[in-house]
N, C-alpha and C. Protein backbone atom coordinates (compact mmCIF):
# COMPACT_ATOMS: atom_id res chain seq x y z
N MET A 1 43.60 -75.39 108.21
CA MET A 1 43.76 -75.80 106.84
C MET A 1 45.05 -76.60 106.71
N THR A 2 44.96 -77.84 106.38
CA THR A 2 46.13 -78.69 106.25
C THR A 2 46.43 -78.90 104.78
N ARG A 3 47.68 -78.70 104.42
CA ARG A 3 48.10 -78.88 103.05
C ARG A 3 48.67 -80.28 102.91
N GLU A 4 48.27 -81.00 101.89
CA GLU A 4 48.80 -82.33 101.63
C GLU A 4 50.08 -82.21 100.83
N ASN A 5 51.13 -82.83 101.29
CA ASN A 5 52.40 -82.80 100.59
C ASN A 5 52.76 -84.16 100.02
N GLY A 6 51.82 -85.05 99.92
CA GLY A 6 52.09 -86.34 99.34
C GLY A 6 52.75 -87.32 100.29
N GLY A 7 52.88 -86.98 101.55
CA GLY A 7 53.55 -87.84 102.49
C GLY A 7 52.62 -88.68 103.34
N GLY A 8 51.35 -88.65 103.07
CA GLY A 8 50.40 -89.46 103.81
C GLY A 8 50.18 -88.97 105.22
N LYS A 9 49.84 -89.93 106.09
CA LYS A 9 49.48 -89.57 107.47
C LYS A 9 50.64 -88.95 108.24
N GLU A 10 51.86 -89.44 108.00
CA GLU A 10 53.01 -88.87 108.71
C GLU A 10 53.19 -87.40 108.36
N CYS A 11 53.04 -87.10 107.08
CA CYS A 11 53.19 -85.71 106.65
C CYS A 11 52.07 -84.85 107.24
N ALA A 12 50.87 -85.38 107.27
CA ALA A 12 49.75 -84.64 107.85
C ALA A 12 49.99 -84.39 109.33
N ALA A 13 50.54 -85.38 110.03
CA ALA A 13 50.83 -85.22 111.45
C ALA A 13 51.92 -84.16 111.65
N ALA A 14 52.93 -84.15 110.79
CA ALA A 14 53.99 -83.15 110.88
C ALA A 14 53.42 -81.76 110.61
N GLN A 15 52.53 -81.67 109.63
CA GLN A 15 51.89 -80.39 109.30
C GLN A 15 51.13 -79.86 110.52
N LEU A 16 50.36 -80.74 111.16
CA LEU A 16 49.60 -80.33 112.35
C LEU A 16 50.52 -79.87 113.47
N LEU A 17 51.62 -80.60 113.67
CA LEU A 17 52.58 -80.24 114.71
C LEU A 17 53.19 -78.87 114.44
N ILE A 18 53.59 -78.63 113.22
CA ILE A 18 54.22 -77.36 112.88
C ILE A 18 53.22 -76.21 112.97
N GLU A 19 51.99 -76.45 112.54
CA GLU A 19 50.96 -75.41 112.67
C GLU A 19 50.72 -75.08 114.14
N GLU A 20 50.69 -76.08 115.00
CA GLU A 20 50.50 -75.83 116.44
C GLU A 20 51.70 -75.07 117.00
N LEU A 21 52.89 -75.44 116.57
CA LEU A 21 54.10 -74.73 116.99
C LEU A 21 54.02 -73.26 116.60
N LEU A 22 53.59 -72.98 115.39
CA LEU A 22 53.50 -71.60 114.93
C LEU A 22 52.41 -70.83 115.68
N ARG A 23 51.27 -71.47 115.91
CA ARG A 23 50.20 -70.80 116.69
C ARG A 23 50.72 -70.46 118.09
N THR A 24 51.45 -71.38 118.68
CA THR A 24 52.01 -71.15 120.01
C THR A 24 53.01 -70.00 119.99
N ALA A 25 53.87 -69.99 118.98
CA ALA A 25 54.86 -68.92 118.87
C ALA A 25 54.18 -67.56 118.74
N PHE A 26 53.15 -67.48 117.91
CA PHE A 26 52.44 -66.21 117.74
C PHE A 26 51.75 -65.80 119.03
N SER A 27 51.14 -66.76 119.72
CA SER A 27 50.45 -66.45 120.97
C SER A 27 51.43 -65.95 122.02
N LEU A 28 52.55 -66.65 122.17
CA LEU A 28 53.53 -66.23 123.17
C LEU A 28 54.17 -64.90 122.78
N GLY A 29 54.37 -64.69 121.49
CA GLY A 29 54.92 -63.42 121.02
C GLY A 29 54.00 -62.25 121.34
N SER A 30 52.70 -62.51 121.25
CA SER A 30 51.74 -61.43 121.54
C SER A 30 51.68 -61.12 123.03
N VAL A 31 52.17 -62.01 123.85
CA VAL A 31 52.28 -61.75 125.29
C VAL A 31 53.65 -61.11 125.59
N TYR A 32 54.69 -61.67 125.02
CA TYR A 32 56.06 -61.27 125.30
C TYR A 32 56.34 -59.82 124.88
N ALA A 33 55.98 -59.47 123.66
CA ALA A 33 56.34 -58.14 123.13
C ALA A 33 55.76 -57.00 123.96
N PRO A 34 54.45 -57.02 124.28
CA PRO A 34 53.92 -55.92 125.10
C PRO A 34 54.52 -55.89 126.51
N LEU A 35 54.75 -57.08 127.09
CA LEU A 35 55.37 -57.11 128.42
C LEU A 35 56.74 -56.45 128.38
N LEU A 36 57.52 -56.80 127.39
CA LEU A 36 58.87 -56.25 127.27
C LEU A 36 58.82 -54.74 127.04
N ALA A 37 57.89 -54.31 126.20
CA ALA A 37 57.77 -52.88 125.90
C ALA A 37 57.33 -52.07 127.11
N ASP A 38 56.50 -52.67 127.97
CA ASP A 38 55.95 -51.95 129.12
C ASP A 38 56.83 -52.01 130.37
N LEU A 39 57.89 -52.79 130.34
CA LEU A 39 58.75 -52.90 131.52
C LEU A 39 59.49 -51.59 131.78
N PRO A 40 59.54 -51.18 133.04
CA PRO A 40 60.39 -50.02 133.34
C PRO A 40 61.86 -50.39 133.10
N GLU A 41 62.65 -49.40 132.79
CA GLU A 41 64.06 -49.66 132.46
C GLU A 41 64.80 -50.36 133.59
N ASP A 42 64.40 -50.12 134.83
CA ASP A 42 65.11 -50.71 135.97
C ASP A 42 64.40 -51.95 136.52
N ALA A 43 63.58 -52.59 135.71
CA ALA A 43 62.81 -53.75 136.19
C ALA A 43 63.71 -54.89 136.65
N PHE A 44 64.79 -55.13 135.92
CA PHE A 44 65.72 -56.21 136.27
C PHE A 44 67.13 -55.65 136.18
N PRO A 45 67.55 -54.91 137.22
CA PRO A 45 68.86 -54.25 137.18
C PRO A 45 70.00 -55.23 136.88
N GLY A 46 70.82 -54.85 135.93
CA GLY A 46 71.99 -55.65 135.58
C GLY A 46 71.68 -56.86 134.72
N GLU A 47 70.42 -57.04 134.34
CA GLU A 47 70.05 -58.19 133.52
C GLU A 47 69.36 -57.73 132.25
N ASP A 48 69.41 -58.56 131.24
CA ASP A 48 68.71 -58.30 129.98
C ASP A 48 67.23 -58.60 130.19
N PRO A 49 66.36 -57.59 130.13
CA PRO A 49 64.93 -57.82 130.39
C PRO A 49 64.31 -58.87 129.46
N GLY A 50 64.74 -58.89 128.20
CA GLY A 50 64.22 -59.89 127.27
C GLY A 50 64.57 -61.30 127.70
N ALA A 51 65.81 -61.49 128.14
CA ALA A 51 66.25 -62.80 128.60
C ALA A 51 65.50 -63.21 129.87
N VAL A 52 65.25 -62.26 130.75
CA VAL A 52 64.52 -62.56 131.99
C VAL A 52 63.10 -63.00 131.65
N LEU A 53 62.44 -62.30 130.73
CA LEU A 53 61.08 -62.69 130.35
C LEU A 53 61.05 -64.06 129.70
N ILE A 54 62.02 -64.36 128.87
CA ILE A 54 62.09 -65.69 128.25
C ILE A 54 62.24 -66.76 129.32
N GLU A 55 63.10 -66.48 130.30
CA GLU A 55 63.29 -67.42 131.41
C GLU A 55 61.98 -67.63 132.17
N MET A 56 61.24 -66.55 132.37
CA MET A 56 59.96 -66.65 133.09
C MET A 56 58.94 -67.46 132.28
N LEU A 57 58.87 -67.20 130.98
CA LEU A 57 57.94 -67.96 130.14
C LEU A 57 58.34 -69.43 130.09
N ALA A 58 59.63 -69.69 130.03
CA ALA A 58 60.10 -71.08 130.03
C ALA A 58 59.73 -71.76 131.34
N GLY A 59 59.88 -71.06 132.45
CA GLY A 59 59.51 -71.62 133.74
C GLY A 59 58.03 -71.95 133.81
N SER A 60 57.21 -71.09 133.23
CA SER A 60 55.77 -71.35 133.22
C SER A 60 55.42 -72.55 132.35
N SER A 61 56.29 -72.88 131.44
CA SER A 61 56.01 -73.96 130.47
C SER A 61 56.59 -75.31 130.87
N LEU A 62 57.44 -75.35 131.85
CA LEU A 62 58.13 -76.61 132.19
C LEU A 62 57.18 -77.76 132.51
N ALA A 63 56.12 -77.49 133.22
CA ALA A 63 55.18 -78.57 133.56
C ALA A 63 54.56 -79.16 132.30
N ALA A 64 54.34 -78.33 131.29
CA ALA A 64 53.74 -78.81 130.04
C ALA A 64 54.67 -79.79 129.32
N ALA A 65 55.96 -79.66 129.53
CA ALA A 65 56.92 -80.55 128.87
C ALA A 65 56.76 -81.99 129.33
N GLU A 66 56.14 -82.18 130.47
CA GLU A 66 55.97 -83.52 131.01
C GLU A 66 54.98 -84.38 130.21
N VAL A 67 54.28 -83.77 129.22
CA VAL A 67 53.32 -84.56 128.44
C VAL A 67 54.02 -85.50 127.46
N VAL A 68 55.31 -85.29 127.23
CA VAL A 68 56.08 -86.21 126.39
C VAL A 68 57.26 -86.76 127.19
N ASP A 69 57.77 -87.89 126.75
CA ASP A 69 58.92 -88.49 127.41
C ASP A 69 60.13 -87.56 127.34
N LYS A 70 60.92 -87.58 128.38
CA LYS A 70 62.11 -86.73 128.42
C LYS A 70 63.03 -87.00 127.24
N ALA A 71 63.06 -88.23 126.77
CA ALA A 71 63.90 -88.57 125.61
C ALA A 71 63.48 -87.80 124.37
N ASP A 72 62.24 -87.38 124.30
CA ASP A 72 61.74 -86.65 123.13
C ASP A 72 62.05 -85.16 123.17
N TRP A 73 62.50 -84.66 124.31
CA TRP A 73 62.74 -83.23 124.43
C TRP A 73 63.81 -82.75 123.45
N ARG A 74 64.89 -83.51 123.31
CA ARG A 74 65.96 -83.10 122.38
C ARG A 74 65.46 -83.11 120.93
N SER A 75 64.65 -84.11 120.60
CA SER A 75 64.09 -84.17 119.25
C SER A 75 63.16 -82.99 119.01
N ALA A 76 62.35 -82.67 120.00
CA ALA A 76 61.43 -81.53 119.87
C ALA A 76 62.21 -80.23 119.72
N THR A 77 63.28 -80.09 120.48
CA THR A 77 64.12 -78.91 120.39
C THR A 77 64.73 -78.79 119.00
N ALA A 78 65.22 -79.90 118.47
CA ALA A 78 65.80 -79.89 117.12
C ALA A 78 64.74 -79.52 116.08
N LEU A 79 63.53 -80.02 116.26
CA LEU A 79 62.45 -79.68 115.32
C LEU A 79 62.13 -78.20 115.37
N VAL A 80 62.00 -77.65 116.56
CA VAL A 80 61.68 -76.23 116.71
C VAL A 80 62.77 -75.39 116.04
N LYS A 81 64.02 -75.74 116.28
CA LYS A 81 65.14 -75.01 115.66
C LYS A 81 65.09 -75.14 114.14
N ALA A 82 64.84 -76.33 113.64
CA ALA A 82 64.77 -76.55 112.19
C ALA A 82 63.63 -75.75 111.56
N VAL A 83 62.48 -75.71 112.23
CA VAL A 83 61.35 -74.92 111.72
C VAL A 83 61.74 -73.45 111.67
N ARG A 84 62.34 -72.94 112.74
CA ARG A 84 62.75 -71.54 112.78
C ARG A 84 63.72 -71.23 111.64
N GLU A 85 64.74 -72.06 111.48
CA GLU A 85 65.74 -71.82 110.45
C GLU A 85 65.15 -71.91 109.05
N SER A 86 64.22 -72.83 108.84
CA SER A 86 63.57 -72.97 107.54
C SER A 86 62.74 -71.74 107.20
N VAL A 87 61.96 -71.28 108.17
CA VAL A 87 61.12 -70.10 107.94
C VAL A 87 61.99 -68.87 107.68
N LEU A 88 63.02 -68.68 108.49
CA LEU A 88 63.89 -67.52 108.30
C LEU A 88 64.61 -67.59 106.96
N SER A 89 65.03 -68.76 106.55
CA SER A 89 65.68 -68.93 105.25
C SER A 89 64.74 -68.57 104.12
N ASP A 90 63.50 -69.05 104.21
CA ASP A 90 62.51 -68.72 103.18
C ASP A 90 62.22 -67.22 103.15
N LEU A 91 62.15 -66.59 104.32
CA LEU A 91 61.90 -65.14 104.37
C LEU A 91 63.08 -64.36 103.77
N ARG A 92 64.29 -64.81 104.06
CA ARG A 92 65.47 -64.14 103.46
C ARG A 92 65.44 -64.30 101.94
N SER A 93 65.09 -65.49 101.46
CA SER A 93 65.01 -65.72 100.01
C SER A 93 63.95 -64.84 99.37
N ALA A 94 62.80 -64.74 100.02
CA ALA A 94 61.72 -63.91 99.49
C ALA A 94 62.13 -62.44 99.45
N ALA A 95 62.82 -61.99 100.49
CA ALA A 95 63.28 -60.60 100.52
C ALA A 95 64.29 -60.35 99.41
N GLU A 96 65.18 -61.28 99.17
CA GLU A 96 66.17 -61.14 98.11
C GLU A 96 65.50 -61.11 96.73
N LEU A 97 64.52 -61.97 96.53
CA LEU A 97 63.78 -61.96 95.26
C LEU A 97 63.06 -60.63 95.07
N ALA A 98 62.49 -60.10 96.13
CA ALA A 98 61.80 -58.81 96.04
C ALA A 98 62.78 -57.70 95.69
N ARG A 99 63.96 -57.72 96.30
CA ARG A 99 64.99 -56.71 95.98
C ARG A 99 65.40 -56.81 94.51
N GLN A 100 65.60 -58.04 94.04
CA GLN A 100 65.99 -58.23 92.64
C GLN A 100 64.90 -57.74 91.69
N ALA A 101 63.65 -58.06 92.01
CA ALA A 101 62.54 -57.62 91.16
C ALA A 101 62.44 -56.10 91.14
N GLU A 102 62.68 -55.47 92.28
CA GLU A 102 62.62 -54.02 92.36
C GLU A 102 63.74 -53.40 91.52
N LYS A 103 64.96 -53.98 91.60
CA LYS A 103 66.07 -53.49 90.80
C LYS A 103 65.75 -53.59 89.31
N GLU A 104 65.18 -54.71 88.90
CA GLU A 104 64.84 -54.93 87.50
C GLU A 104 63.80 -53.93 87.02
N MET A 105 62.85 -53.58 87.89
CA MET A 105 61.83 -52.61 87.52
C MET A 105 62.43 -51.21 87.35
N LEU A 106 63.51 -50.92 88.09
CA LEU A 106 64.13 -49.60 88.01
C LEU A 106 65.04 -49.46 86.80
N LEU A 107 65.42 -50.57 86.19
CA LEU A 107 66.33 -50.51 85.03
C LEU A 107 65.65 -50.09 83.78
């Protein structure tokens, strides 16, 4: 389901890109979380198991990065970071609004 934001084809393309990014994040998260939870405590002695798994997932993904020019990697990284920060900001705002509404109901 694509939402039109009045930006024409460019906006629609951005919407598709962000939706694919989110689907990918959810898919990888559904792999990462159970793996991390099931790891024995001594799986990677002296290392952060979460960081090791991220490194492994990144290694599995490196070949896929070749589908775009290397010059685009920094732009893609900036986009991913901006999407993450935007979503987290919206979630923090929603949580704050919910807290305020709850306080008002208690008064």
